[in-house]
Amino acid sequence: MDREQVHFEVFIRKKPSSSWTLELATENRTRALEEAEEALNEQRAVSVRVTKETLDEDSREFKTVTIFSKGEPDRNKQRKVREDFEPLCVSPQDLYTGHARDRIGRLLEGWLTRNRVTAFELLHRPDLIERLEAAGMDLQHAIQKIAIPEAQARGTSVHEIIRSFQRLVQAAIDRVFKDARRGVFPDITPQSFAAAVEKAMLEPEPLYILGVGVARAIAAGDRWSEKVDLLLDLADAAPQSTQARGLALQVIEQPLAEVLAGRSGMNDLLGADLDLGGSLAAMTRLASAETVEALTGIEPSVARVMPALDSSAARLANWLDGPHFEHVRTAIARRVLKELNGPRRLRPTDAAGEIAILRALAMVLTASAGRLMSLEEVQEVFIARSGLLVRSDFVESYLDKGGTPLVEVEQLLWLAENVTGPSNKRHASRWISATVGSLRFETSVREAPESAGVKLASLANLQRSVQRAGFVPEEVAPIVAKLGDVGGMVEADAKLTVTLSRSGATALQKLSALLRLAIGEAAPLGPAADRAKIEALKLLRVPETRAELARSPEAVNRVRAMLQTLGLAA
């Protein structure tokens, strides 16, 4: 059977008592299933259903098979008519609304992608309409895809809905051809654009007339990026008077938004070789160029992962940073959040790189919150994405297979610092607790070839990192205590405190070294620090030590500061 005779439809219910509504019709099975899952995850629906629609060549009707169903059960199965059902388009003008163009784009997605055009261009160019009519079953197939759910929702026959849509489509086609024969459509170039806008404002339907001229002007673009450049050429040439400029940019924004809404259009503009993380970083830079530039100047980690934009994309970014094309800018930001809320890895082969780019995206989107989306939306998305970072499959791919347990804890702490949300923080702390509490960790640290001083300093650094990782106190205490216990074993193995107190160094040198151990600077808090504290207090009582301190006021200040840290001096 021809591949185009099979498609998949995604239906959603927004409330348990509401009827099913069509969310998406596509020939891509994977996309349909992903859209269903995303509708549930984003709480746009309480239940979803995906059906496979197969065209019967004899009856010319579709056979329906449900291949996926998830969510709350139907609590109102007897209802036949959808209460909030929107009325059918009744005139050709209705097909030019944003909602109608979006639906046309979904229904004819395959044909539009193959011909590298948008729904906006199809509706405004007679040559594309002729090409679609000559393509065979594409138009009829699209009408049937939309007619089936419409008929189910209205409780009427599919044939009646199909005839209604066919009459509407034919009226729209006749209208475009009639206007083309009358010569009412302008031939637009950047040089003539301002004058064409002023002239279109005198027409009863200026958006329609000017839309045809814009669609013709970008017809020469074979690639999506070329269409973007042609649209920006027109934007640069838009008239300066407020009303005329508003009309011009409103018309330009329609095809621009449709080009950037598709994966192929965005990939062509930003580069198809980018992985998901790189693509999202580029889109973020596109939608919020000024914020990215500011952050890259002060945060090297952001500069390292944000890809540069080529000429077309950089040019568009400059426009999006201004007051115009707000819907395009917001749509790009929404798409970034939607992808972040999905299950796909940002850097499939580089877990450390995934953390780095997620950190950069979080910084940029948080700084941009308010203009692009609310801060609450950004936080929710990054909490959801953080949940993927603490799953076992990601953690296992992230940890250095040849690294020591000490290195693993350092990696896990970096991971913990870059996840957000109480639940995700708990998961990260459990990974750290399990590693620190293992016999492998204790043995590895005690038998490591480094000196006792180096090992104790490393454990002290880990202890401080755990305390500032954002864990709740109940999670911090056991990890800190275990690190302290291991530090005590390392100190006892080397007899470091006793060796220091009996060394030939000056009293001030010994006192300073012991106090650094005692306050948790050179050793983890715990048995090792406690033993150093005892030895330091003994040393302070020795007359020679007091005499040396009396001869060095600077040393007195340093010692007093450390004693205050221990709570032993005012």
Protein backbone atom coordinates (compact mmCIF):
# COMPACT_ATOMS: atom_id res chain seq x y z
CA MET A 1 0.00 0.00 0.00
CA ASP A 2 1.24 3.53 -0.75
CA ARG A 3 2.79 5.08 2.32
CA GLU A 4 0.69 8.24 1.95
CA GLN A 5 -2.50 6.26 2.33
CA VAL A 6 -1.75 5.70 6.03
CA HIS A 7 -1.64 8.41 8.67
CA PHE A 8 -1.86 8.72 12.44
CA GLU A 9 -4.16 10.95 14.45
CA VAL A 10 -3.67 12.19 18.02
CA PHE A 11 -6.82 12.90 20.03
CA ILE A 12 -6.87 14.54 23.46
CA ARG A 13 -9.37 15.20 26.24
CA LYS A 14 -8.69 18.34 28.26
CA LYS A 15 -11.06 17.30 31.05
CA PRO A 16 -12.36 13.89 32.14
CA SER A 17 -15.90 14.90 31.14
CA SER A 18 -15.06 16.50 27.78
CA SER A 19 -15.11 14.87 24.36
CA TRP A 20 -12.12 13.88 22.25
CA THR A 21 -10.63 16.60 20.04
CA LEU A 22 -8.10 16.21 17.25
CA GLU A 23 -4.67 17.51 18.25
CA LEU A 24 -2.51 16.30 15.35
CA ALA A 25 -2.70 14.35 12.10
CA THR A 26 0.61 13.15 10.72
CA GLU A 27 2.15 10.44 8.59
CA ASN A 28 4.93 9.96 11.18
CA ARG A 29 4.02 7.31 13.76
CA THR A 30 6.84 8.30 16.14
CA ARG A 31 5.85 11.95 16.11
CA ALA A 32 2.23 11.05 16.85
CA LEU A 33 3.24 8.96 19.88
CA GLU A 34 5.62 11.66 21.12
CA GLU A 35 2.92 14.32 20.76
CA ALA A 36 0.52 12.19 22.82
CA GLU A 37 3.06 11.72 25.61
CA GLU A 38 3.95 15.41 25.58
CA ALA A 39 0.29 16.43 25.86
CA LEU A 40 0.04 14.40 29.06
CA ASN A 41 3.41 15.53 30.45
CA GLU A 42 2.62 19.20 29.80
CA GLN A 43 -0.86 18.72 31.37
CA ARG A 44 -2.59 19.90 28.22
CA ALA A 45 -4.75 16.79 28.41
CA VAL A 46 -5.95 14.29 31.00
CA SER A 47 -6.06 11.46 28.46
CA VAL A 48 -4.76 10.83 24.96
CA ARG A 49 -5.41 8.40 22.12
CA VAL A 50 -3.46 7.68 18.93
CA THR A 51 -5.20 6.00 16.00
CA LYS A 52 -3.89 4.56 12.76
CA GLU A 53 -6.02 5.56 9.77
CA THR A 54 -5.72 3.32 6.68
CA LEU A 55 -7.42 4.30 3.42
CA ASP A 56 -9.54 1.59 1.82
CA GLU A 57 -8.91 1.87 -1.93
CA ASP A 58 -12.35 0.49 -2.79
CA SER A 59 -14.65 2.45 -0.48
CA ARG A 60 -12.30 5.48 -0.25
CA GLU A 61 -12.97 5.59 3.50
CA PHE A 62 -10.52 5.23 6.36
CA LYS A 63 -10.33 2.23 8.66
CA THR A 64 -9.44 3.22 12.22
CA VAL A 65 -7.30 1.22 14.67
CA THR A 66 -6.34 2.58 18.10
CA ILE A 67 -2.62 1.95 18.68
CA PHE A 68 -2.10 3.93 21.89
CA SER A 69 -4.33 5.09 24.73
CA LYS A 70 -3.33 6.61 28.06
CA GLY A 71 -4.78 8.75 30.83
CA GLU A 72 -8.01 9.03 32.76
CA PRO A 73 -11.04 6.99 31.60
CA ASP A 74 -13.92 8.62 29.75
CA ARG A 75 -16.55 9.74 32.29
CA ASN A 76 -19.06 10.91 29.72
CA LYS A 77 -19.18 8.30 26.99
CA GLN A 78 -22.80 9.08 26.09
CA ARG A 79 -22.09 12.63 24.96
CA LYS A 80 -22.20 12.85 21.17
CA VAL A 81 -21.66 16.54 20.62
CA ARG A 82 -18.61 18.40 21.84
CA GLU A 83 -19.69 21.38 23.95
CA ASP A 84 -16.72 23.59 23.13
CA PHE A 85 -16.52 22.57 19.47
CA GLU A 86 -15.44 25.43 17.24
CA PRO A 87 -17.59 26.06 14.14
CA LEU A 88 -16.35 24.91 10.75
CA CYS A 89 -14.73 27.43 8.42
CA VAL A 90 -17.56 28.84 6.36
CA SER A 91 -15.81 31.23 3.95
CA PRO A 92 -12.48 31.33 2.09
CA GLN A 93 -11.34 34.15 4.36
CA ASP A 94 -11.54 31.77 7.33
CA LEU A 95 -8.73 29.66 5.84
CA TYR A 96 -6.29 32.56 6.24
CA THR A 97 -6.50 32.79 10.04
CA GLY A 98 -3.54 31.67 12.13
CA HIS A 99 -5.43 28.65 13.49
CA ALA A 100 -6.53 27.54 10.03
CA ARG A 101 -3.02 27.94 8.57
CA ASP A 102 -1.59 25.89 11.40
CA ARG A 103 -4.12 23.11 10.75
CA ILE A 104 -3.43 23.22 6.99
CA GLY A 105 0.27 22.99 7.72
CA ARG A 106 -0.27 19.83 9.77
CA LEU A 107 -2.61 18.17 7.31
CA LEU A 108 -0.38 18.87 4.30
CA GLU A 109 2.92 18.59 6.16
CA GLY A 110 4.42 16.02 3.79
CA TRP A 111 3.53 17.91 0.60
CA LEU A 112 4.63 21.28 1.99
CA THR A 113 7.97 19.86 3.15
CA ARG A 114 8.65 18.17 -0.19
CA ASN A 115 7.96 21.40 -2.04
CA ARG A 116 9.76 23.59 0.55
CA VAL A 117 6.85 25.98 0.99
CA THR A 118 4.65 27.08 3.86
CA ALA A 119 0.88 27.01 4.27
CA PHE A 120 0.97 30.81 3.93
CA GLU A 121 2.57 30.50 0.47
CA LEU A 122 0.13 27.80 -0.62
CA LEU A 123 -2.85 29.98 0.27
CA HIS A 124 -1.47 32.99 -1.62
CA ARG A 125 0.15 31.52 -4.76
CA PRO A 126 -1.94 30.23 -7.70
CA ASP A 127 1.01 28.23 -9.07
CA LEU A 128 1.28 26.24 -5.82
CA ILE A 129 -2.46 25.60 -5.81
CA GLU A 130 -2.22 24.19 -9.33
CA ARG A 131 0.70 22.02 -8.28
CA LEU A 132 -1.23 20.68 -5.29
CA GLU A 133 -4.29 19.88 -7.43
CA ALA A 134 -2.05 18.04 -9.93
CA ALA A 135 -0.33 16.04 -7.16
CA GLY A 136 -3.10 13.45 -7.03
CA MET A 137 -4.64 12.51 -3.70
CA ASP A 138 -2.78 14.90 -1.37
CA LEU A 139 -5.58 17.46 -1.16
CA GLN A 140 -8.34 14.84 -0.96
CA HIS A 141 -6.36 12.93 1.63
CA ALA A 142 -6.01 16.07 3.78
CA ILE A 143 -9.74 16.77 3.58
CA GLN A 144 -10.53 13.22 4.65
CA LYS A 145 -8.10 13.39 7.58
CA ILE A 146 -9.84 16.43 9.01
CA ALA A 147 -13.36 15.33 8.06
CA ILE A 148 -13.36 12.12 10.11
CA PRO A 149 -12.85 13.70 13.57
CA GLU A 150 -15.11 16.61 12.62
CA ALA A 151 -17.88 14.18 11.72
CA GLN A 152 -17.39 12.20 14.93
CA ALA A 153 -17.58 15.35 17.04
CA ARG A 154 -20.67 16.67 15.27
CA GLY A 155 -22.51 13.38 15.07
CA THR A 156 -22.96 13.64 11.30
CA SER A 157 -21.75 11.65 8.30
CA VAL A 158 -18.19 11.81 7.02
CA HIS A 159 -19.40 12.34 3.44
CA GLU A 160 -21.42 15.39 4.46
CA ILE A 161 -18.39 16.98 6.14
CA ILE A 162 -16.15 16.10 3.18
CA ARG A 163 -18.56 17.77 0.76
CA SER A 164 -18.67 20.86 2.98
CA PHE A 165 -14.88 21.12 3.04
CA GLN A 166 -14.62 20.46 -0.69
CA ARG A 167 -17.01 23.35 -1.41
CA LEU A 168 -15.01 25.62 0.89
CA VAL A 169 -11.65 24.66 -0.65
CA GLN A 170 -12.97 25.09 -4.16
CA ALA A 171 -14.36 28.54 -3.31
CA ALA A 172 -10.96 29.57 -1.93
CA ILE A 173 -9.19 28.27 -5.04
CA ASP A 174 -11.62 30.04 -7.36
CA ARG A 175 -11.13 33.26 -5.44
CA VAL A 176 -7.34 33.21 -5.78
CA PHE A 177 -7.47 32.41 -9.51
CA LYS A 178 -10.12 35.07 -10.13
CA ASP A 179 -8.09 37.74 -8.35
CA ALA A 180 -4.96 36.66 -10.22
CA ARG A 181 -6.77 37.09 -13.57
CA ARG A 182 -7.94 40.54 -12.48
CA GLY A 183 -4.33 41.53 -11.80
CA VAL A 184 -4.97 42.81 -8.27
CA PHE A 185 -1.90 41.12 -6.82
CA PRO A 186 1.25 43.27 -6.57
CA ASP A 187 4.72 42.21 -7.72
CA ILE A 188 6.84 43.10 -4.73
CA THR A 189 10.57 43.77 -4.45
CA PRO A 190 12.37 45.42 -1.53
CA GLN A 191 12.48 48.62 -3.57
CA SER A 192 8.72 48.64 -4.22
CA PHE A 193 7.60 47.17 -0.92
CA ALA A 194 6.84 50.41 0.93
CA ALA A 195 4.70 51.70 -1.94
CA ALA A 196 2.91 48.35 -2.24
CA VAL A 197 2.01 48.46 1.45
CA GLU A 198 0.57 51.96 1.17
CA LYS A 199 -1.48 50.87 -1.86
CA ALA A 200 -2.71 47.66 -0.17
CA MET A 201 -4.02 49.69 2.76
CA LEU A 202 -6.62 51.16 0.41
CA GLU A 203 -7.99 47.68 -0.42
CA PRO A 204 -10.86 46.01 1.51
CA GLU A 205 -8.58 43.07 2.43
CA PRO A 206 -5.04 44.49 2.73
CA LEU A 207 -3.63 41.44 4.54
CA TYR A 208 -4.75 39.13 1.74
CA ILE A 209 -3.54 41.36 -1.11
CA LEU A 210 -0.19 42.09 0.54
CA GLY A 211 0.17 38.44 1.52
CA VAL A 212 0.09 37.38 -2.14
CA GLY A 213 2.80 39.91 -2.94
CA VAL A 214 5.00 38.65 -0.07
CA ALA A 215 4.44 35.01 -1.08
CA ARG A 216 5.51 35.83 -4.63
CA ALA A 217 8.57 37.73 -3.38
CA ILE A 218 9.92 34.73 -1.44
CA ALA A 219 9.12 32.17 -4.16
CA ALA A 220 12.70 32.48 -5.46
CA GLY A 221 14.06 31.02 -2.22
CA ASP A 222 14.93 27.35 -2.77
CA ARG A 223 16.11 26.88 0.82
CA TRP A 224 14.36 27.87 4.02
CA SER A 225 17.25 30.14 5.01
CA GLU A 226 16.93 31.91 1.65
CA LYS A 227 13.24 32.53 2.33
CA VAL A 228 14.16 34.02 5.71
CA ASP A 229 16.67 36.34 4.02
CA LEU A 230 14.08 37.45 1.45
CA LEU A 231 11.54 38.14 4.20
CA LEU A 232 14.10 40.18 6.16
CA ASP A 233 14.93 42.12 2.99
CA LEU A 234 11.27 43.14 2.90
CA ALA A 235 11.28 43.91 6.63
CA ASP A 236 14.29 46.19 6.14
CA ALA A 237 12.36 48.02 3.40
CA ALA A 238 9.10 48.33 5.38
CA PRO A 239 7.55 51.83 5.44
CA GLN A 240 8.21 54.00 8.48
CA SER A 241 4.70 55.29 9.16
CA THR A 242 3.27 53.47 12.16
CA GLN A 243 0.12 51.99 10.60
CA ALA A 244 1.74 50.94 7.31
CA ARG A 245 4.80 49.49 9.09
CA GLY A 246 2.58 47.50 11.44
CA LEU A 247 0.68 46.00 8.49
CA ALA A 248 3.89 45.16 6.61
CA LEU A 249 5.56 43.41 9.54
CA GLN A 250 2.34 41.59 10.45
CA VAL A 251 2.22 40.03 7.00
CA ILE A 252 5.94 39.17 7.01
CA GLU A 253 5.66 37.54 10.43
CA GLN A 254 3.16 34.94 9.18
CA PRO A 255 5.43 33.04 6.74
CA LEU A 256 8.45 33.70 8.96
CA ALA A 257 6.76 31.95 11.87
CA GLU A 258 5.76 29.02 9.67
CA VAL A 259 9.30 28.56 8.33
CA LEU A 260 10.74 28.49 11.86
CA ALA A 261 7.97 26.25 13.22
CA GLY A 262 9.12 23.28 11.13
CA ARG A 263 12.16 21.17 12.01
CA SER A 264 13.53 21.36 8.48
CA GLY A 265 13.24 25.15 8.38
CA MET A 266 14.98 25.63 11.72
CA ASN A 267 17.68 23.07 10.88
CA ASP A 268 18.40 24.78 7.57
CA LEU A 269 18.70 28.14 9.30
CA LEU A 270 20.84 27.00 12.26
CA GLY A 271 22.68 24.01 10.80
CA ALA A 272 21.61 20.40 10.49
CA ASP A 273 24.82 19.07 12.09
CA LEU A 274 23.87 20.28 15.57
CA ASP A 275 22.69 17.80 18.19
CA LEU A 276 19.58 18.63 20.22
CA GLY A 277 21.54 20.56 22.83
CA GLY A 278 23.35 22.61 20.21
CA SER A 279 20.11 23.26 18.35
CA LEU A 280 18.36 24.45 21.52
CA ALA A 281 21.34 26.65 22.40
CA ALA A 282 21.25 28.19 18.92
CA MET A 283 17.48 28.74 19.16
CA THR A 284 17.94 30.35 22.56
CA ARG A 285 20.57 32.66 21.11
CA LEU A 286 18.22 33.44 18.23
CA ALA A 287 15.33 34.38 20.53
CA SER A 288 17.39 36.16 23.19
CA ALA A 289 20.59 37.38 21.52
CA GLU A 290 21.14 40.35 23.82
CA THR A 291 20.93 38.25 26.98
CA VAL A 292 23.28 35.62 25.55
CA GLU A 293 25.82 38.27 24.55
CA ALA A 294 25.73 39.76 28.04
CA LEU A 295 26.21 36.38 29.74
CA THR A 296 28.97 35.21 27.41
CA GLY A 297 30.93 38.30 28.40
CA ILE A 298 30.91 37.43 32.10
CA GLU A 299 30.43 33.64 32.16
CA PRO A 300 32.96 31.59 30.14
CA SER A 301 30.92 28.39 30.54
CA VAL A 302 28.06 29.98 28.57
CA ALA A 303 30.41 31.22 25.85
CA ARG A 304 31.87 27.73 25.40
CA VAL A 305 28.57 25.99 24.58
CA MET A 306 26.59 28.66 22.73
CA PRO A 307 27.11 28.11 18.97
CA ALA A 308 27.68 31.13 16.77
CA LEU A 309 24.89 32.12 14.37
CA ASP A 310 25.61 32.43 10.65
CA SER A 311 24.68 35.48 8.62
CA SER A 312 20.98 34.69 8.07
CA ALA A 313 20.38 33.57 11.65
CA ALA A 314 22.37 36.47 13.11
CA ARG A 315 20.37 38.89 10.98
CA LEU A 316 17.11 37.39 12.22
CA ALA A 317 18.37 37.52 15.83
CA ASN A 318 18.86 41.27 15.47
CA TRP A 319 15.24 41.66 14.37
CA LEU A 320 13.96 39.43 17.16
CA ASP A 321 15.82 41.51 19.73
CA GLY A 322 13.69 44.48 18.73
CA PRO A 323 10.02 45.19 19.41
CA HIS A 324 8.75 43.35 16.31
CA PHE A 325 8.03 39.69 15.52
CA GLU A 326 7.05 39.03 19.13
CA HIS A 327 5.04 35.93 18.19
CA VAL A 328 8.04 34.43 16.39
CA ARG A 329 10.32 35.12 19.34
CA THR A 330 7.87 33.64 21.82
CA ALA A 331 7.22 30.60 19.61
CA ILE A 332 10.94 29.82 19.46
CA ALA A 333 11.25 30.09 23.24
CA ARG A 334 8.20 27.85 23.69
CA ARG A 335 9.74 25.31 21.35
CA VAL A 336 12.95 25.30 23.41
CA LEU A 337 10.96 24.66 26.58
CA LYS A 338 8.94 21.94 24.87
CA GLU A 339 12.08 20.11 23.75
CA LEU A 340 13.64 20.47 27.20
CA ASN A 341 10.49 18.96 28.66
CA GLY A 342 10.82 15.93 26.36
CA PRO A 343 12.78 12.72 26.88
CA ARG A 344 15.51 13.18 24.25
CA ARG A 345 19.12 13.57 25.39
CA LEU A 346 20.74 16.93 24.67
CA ARG A 347 24.17 15.39 24.08
CA PRO A 348 23.61 11.64 23.50
CA THR A 349 27.31 10.75 23.57
CA ASP A 350 28.60 13.33 26.07
CA ALA A 351 26.97 13.31 29.50
CA ALA A 352 29.35 15.93 30.93
CA GLY A 353 28.66 18.14 27.92
CA GLU A 354 24.93 17.69 28.49
CA ILE A 355 25.25 19.07 32.02
CA ALA A 356 27.30 22.02 30.73
CA ILE A 357 24.82 22.99 28.03
CA LEU A 358 21.83 22.52 30.33
CA ARG A 359 23.50 24.81 32.86
CA ALA A 360 24.05 27.46 30.18
CA LEU A 361 20.45 27.20 28.93
CA ALA A 362 19.16 27.54 32.49
CA MET A 363 21.19 30.71 33.01
CA VAL A 364 20.05 32.31 29.73
CA LEU A 365 16.38 31.38 29.98
CA THR A 366 16.20 32.43 33.63
CA ALA A 367 17.77 35.78 32.74
CA SER A 368 15.29 36.11 29.84
CA ALA A 369 12.26 35.19 31.94
CA GLY A 370 9.54 37.78 31.76
CA ARG A 371 10.05 38.69 28.14
CA LEU A 372 9.91 35.21 26.62
CA MET A 373 8.07 33.21 29.30
CA SER A 374 7.39 33.29 33.02
CA LEU A 375 10.04 32.35 35.55
CA GLU A 376 7.73 29.64 36.91
CA GLU A 377 7.57 27.98 33.48
CA VAL A 378 11.34 27.98 33.19
CA GLN A 379 11.76 26.50 36.67
CA GLU A 380 9.23 23.75 36.02
CA VAL A 381 10.95 22.73 32.79
CA PHE A 382 14.39 22.53 34.36
CA ILE A 383 13.07 20.57 37.32
CA ALA A 384 11.63 18.06 34.84
CA ARG A 385 14.87 17.93 32.82
CA SER A 386 16.89 17.54 36.05
CA GLY A 387 14.94 14.36 36.72
CA LEU A 388 16.58 12.81 33.64
CA LEU A 389 20.06 13.68 34.93
CA VAL A 390 19.70 11.67 38.15
CA ARG A 391 18.40 8.52 36.48
CA SER A 392 20.68 5.51 36.62
CA ASP A 393 21.26 5.33 32.85
CA PHE A 394 22.49 8.93 32.70
CA VAL A 395 24.60 8.71 35.86
CA GLU A 396 26.29 5.54 34.66
CA SER A 397 27.16 7.14 31.32
CA TYR A 398 28.37 10.28 33.09
CA LEU A 399 30.77 8.74 35.62
CA ASP A 400 34.35 8.21 34.51
CA LYS A 401 34.70 4.44 34.12
CA GLY A 402 38.43 4.54 34.92
CA GLY A 403 38.18 7.08 37.72
CA THR A 404 38.63 6.53 41.43
CA PRO A 405 35.72 6.70 43.88
CA LEU A 406 37.03 10.09 44.99
CA VAL A 407 36.74 11.37 41.40
CA GLU A 408 33.25 9.84 41.13
CA VAL A 409 32.11 11.78 44.20
CA GLU A 410 33.50 14.99 42.71
CA GLN A 411 31.59 14.30 39.48
CA LEU A 412 28.40 13.52 41.38
CA LEU A 413 28.72 16.74 43.36
CA TRP A 414 29.02 18.72 40.11
CA LEU A 415 25.92 16.93 38.89
CA ALA A 416 24.09 17.72 42.14
CA GLU A 417 24.96 21.42 41.87
CA ASN A 418 23.38 21.52 38.41
CA VAL A 419 20.05 19.84 39.13
CA THR A 420 17.09 21.60 40.63
CA GLY A 421 13.99 20.49 42.52
CA PRO A 422 13.82 18.83 45.97
CA SER A 423 13.16 15.35 44.57
CA ASN A 424 16.08 15.55 42.15
CA LYS A 425 18.38 16.87 44.86
CA ARG A 426 17.42 13.88 47.03
CA HIS A 427 18.23 11.47 44.20
CA ALA A 428 21.61 13.14 43.67
CA SER A 429 22.42 12.99 47.38
CA ARG A 430 21.60 9.27 47.43
CA TRP A 431 24.07 8.63 44.63
CA ILE A 432 26.74 10.48 46.64
CA SER A 433 25.80 8.76 49.89
CA ALA A 434 25.97 5.33 48.27
CA THR A 435 29.42 6.03 46.83
CA VAL A 436 30.87 7.61 49.98
CA GLY A 437 29.43 4.88 52.18
CA SER A 438 30.90 2.02 50.16
CA LEU A 439 33.89 -0.04 51.28
CA ARG A 440 35.40 0.65 47.86
CA PHE A 441 35.53 4.38 48.62
CA GLU A 442 37.13 3.88 52.03
CA THR A 443 39.71 1.41 50.72
CA SER A 444 40.54 3.51 47.67
CA VAL A 445 41.17 6.66 49.70
CA ARG A 446 43.24 4.93 52.38
CA GLU A 447 45.37 3.06 49.82
CA ALA A 448 45.81 5.96 47.40
CA PRO A 449 49.48 6.82 46.69
CA GLU A 450 49.09 10.51 47.58
CA SER A 451 50.33 11.83 50.91
CA ALA A 452 48.01 11.91 53.91
CA GLY A 453 47.89 15.71 53.75
CA VAL A 454 46.72 15.67 50.13
CA LYS A 455 44.06 13.03 50.82
CA LEU A 456 42.77 14.90 53.87
CA ALA A 457 42.57 18.16 51.91
CA SER A 458 40.58 16.40 49.17
CA LEU A 459 38.14 14.98 51.72
CA ALA A 460 37.77 18.43 53.30
CA ASN A 461 36.96 19.94 49.89
CA LEU A 462 34.34 17.26 49.28
CA GLN A 463 32.83 17.91 52.67
CA ARG A 464 32.47 21.62 51.94
CA SER A 465 31.00 20.89 48.50
CA VAL A 466 28.39 18.60 50.04
CA GLN A 467 27.40 21.32 52.51
CA ARG A 468 26.78 23.88 49.73
CA ALA A 469 25.13 21.49 47.23
CA GLY A 470 21.62 22.42 48.38
CA PHE A 471 20.75 19.15 50.13
CA VAL A 472 18.45 19.16 53.15
CA PRO A 473 20.25 18.73 56.53
CA GLU A 474 19.04 15.14 56.96
CA GLU A 475 20.82 14.21 53.71
CA VAL A 476 23.95 16.26 54.37
CA ALA A 477 24.74 14.97 57.88
CA PRO A 478 25.39 11.26 57.04
CA ILE A 479 27.61 12.14 54.05
CA VAL A 480 29.62 14.71 56.04
CA ALA A 481 29.99 12.24 58.91
CA LYS A 482 31.22 9.45 56.63
CA LEU A 483 33.76 11.71 54.95
CA GLY A 484 34.94 12.69 58.42
CA ASP A 485 35.27 9.05 59.46
CA VAL A 486 37.34 8.21 56.39
CA GLY A 487 39.48 11.26 57.09
CA GLY A 488 39.99 10.01 60.62
CA MET A 489 41.21 6.66 59.26
CA VAL A 490 43.63 8.38 56.87
CA GLU A 491 44.98 10.55 59.70
CA ALA A 492 45.30 7.58 62.03
CA ASP A 493 47.11 5.52 59.39
CA ALA A 494 49.69 8.28 58.94
CA LYS A 495 49.68 9.45 62.60
CA LEU A 496 49.71 12.93 61.09
CA THR A 497 48.68 14.87 64.19
CA VAL A 498 51.26 13.23 66.43
CA THR A 499 53.94 13.64 63.77
CA LEU A 500 53.15 17.36 63.42
CA SER A 501 53.20 18.00 67.18
CA ARG A 502 56.60 16.27 67.51
CA SER A 503 58.19 17.75 64.39
CA GLY A 504 61.13 20.13 64.49
CA ALA A 505 59.10 23.04 63.12
CA THR A 506 58.60 26.19 65.16
CA ALA A 507 55.73 26.30 67.62
CA LEU A 508 53.84 28.79 65.44
CA GLN A 509 54.21 26.58 62.35
CA LYS A 510 52.96 23.53 64.22
CA LEU A 511 50.09 25.48 65.78
CA SER A 512 49.02 26.90 62.43
CA ALA A 513 49.09 23.48 60.75
CA LEU A 514 47.12 21.85 63.58
CA LEU A 515 44.49 24.59 63.63
CA ARG A 516 44.01 24.32 59.83
CA LEU A 517 43.29 20.64 60.37
CA ALA A 518 41.00 21.36 63.31
CA ILE A 519 38.78 23.90 61.55
CA GLY A 520 38.11 21.63 58.54
CA GLU A 521 40.33 23.52 56.14
CA ALA A 522 43.11 20.93 55.70
CA ALA A 523 41.14 17.90 56.92
CA PRO A 524 37.45 16.95 57.04
CA LEU A 525 35.52 17.71 60.19
CA GLY A 526 35.39 14.56 62.32
CA PRO A 527 37.93 12.43 64.19
CA ALA A 528 40.96 13.87 62.37
CA ALA A 529 39.91 17.45 63.10
CA ASP A 530 39.09 16.59 66.71
CA ARG A 531 42.51 15.08 67.33
CA ALA A 532 44.20 18.10 65.76
CA LYS A 533 42.12 20.40 67.96
CA ILE A 534 43.28 18.59 71.12
CA GLU A 535 46.93 18.81 70.09
CA ALA A 536 46.55 22.49 69.16
CA LEU A 537 45.10 23.35 72.58
CA LYS A 538 47.95 21.49 74.29
CA LEU A 539 50.44 23.43 72.22
CA LEU A 540 48.80 26.75 73.13
CA ARG A 541 49.45 26.08 76.81
CA VAL A 542 53.20 25.72 76.25
CA PRO A 543 55.09 28.89 77.34
CA GLU A 544 57.34 28.82 74.27
CA THR A 545 54.29 29.01 72.01
CA ARG A 546 52.90 31.99 73.90
CA ALA A 547 56.25 33.71 73.70
CA GLU A 548 56.43 33.25 69.92
CA LEU A 549 52.92 34.59 69.56
CA ALA A 550 53.81 37.63 71.61
CA ARG A 551 56.65 38.42 69.22
CA SER A 552 54.39 38.16 66.11
CA PRO A 553 51.17 40.27 66.18
CA GLU A 554 50.22 39.06 62.67
CA ALA A 555 50.42 35.44 63.81
CA VAL A 556 48.25 36.32 66.81
CA ASN A 557 45.53 37.61 64.47
CA ARG A 558 45.65 34.47 62.30
CA VAL A 559 45.53 32.16 65.32
CA ARG A 560 42.72 34.16 66.92
CA ALA A 561 40.65 33.91 63.71
CA MET A 562 41.05 30.13 63.62
CA LEU A 563 40.26 29.82 67.32
CA GLN A 564 37.11 31.86 66.77
CA THR A 565 36.13 29.43 64.02
CA LEU A 566 36.49 26.67 66.60
CA GLY A 567 34.47 28.71 69.10
CA LEU A 568 37.39 29.04 71.49
CA ALA A 569 38.15 32.78 71.33
CA ALA A 570 36.16 35.98 71.56
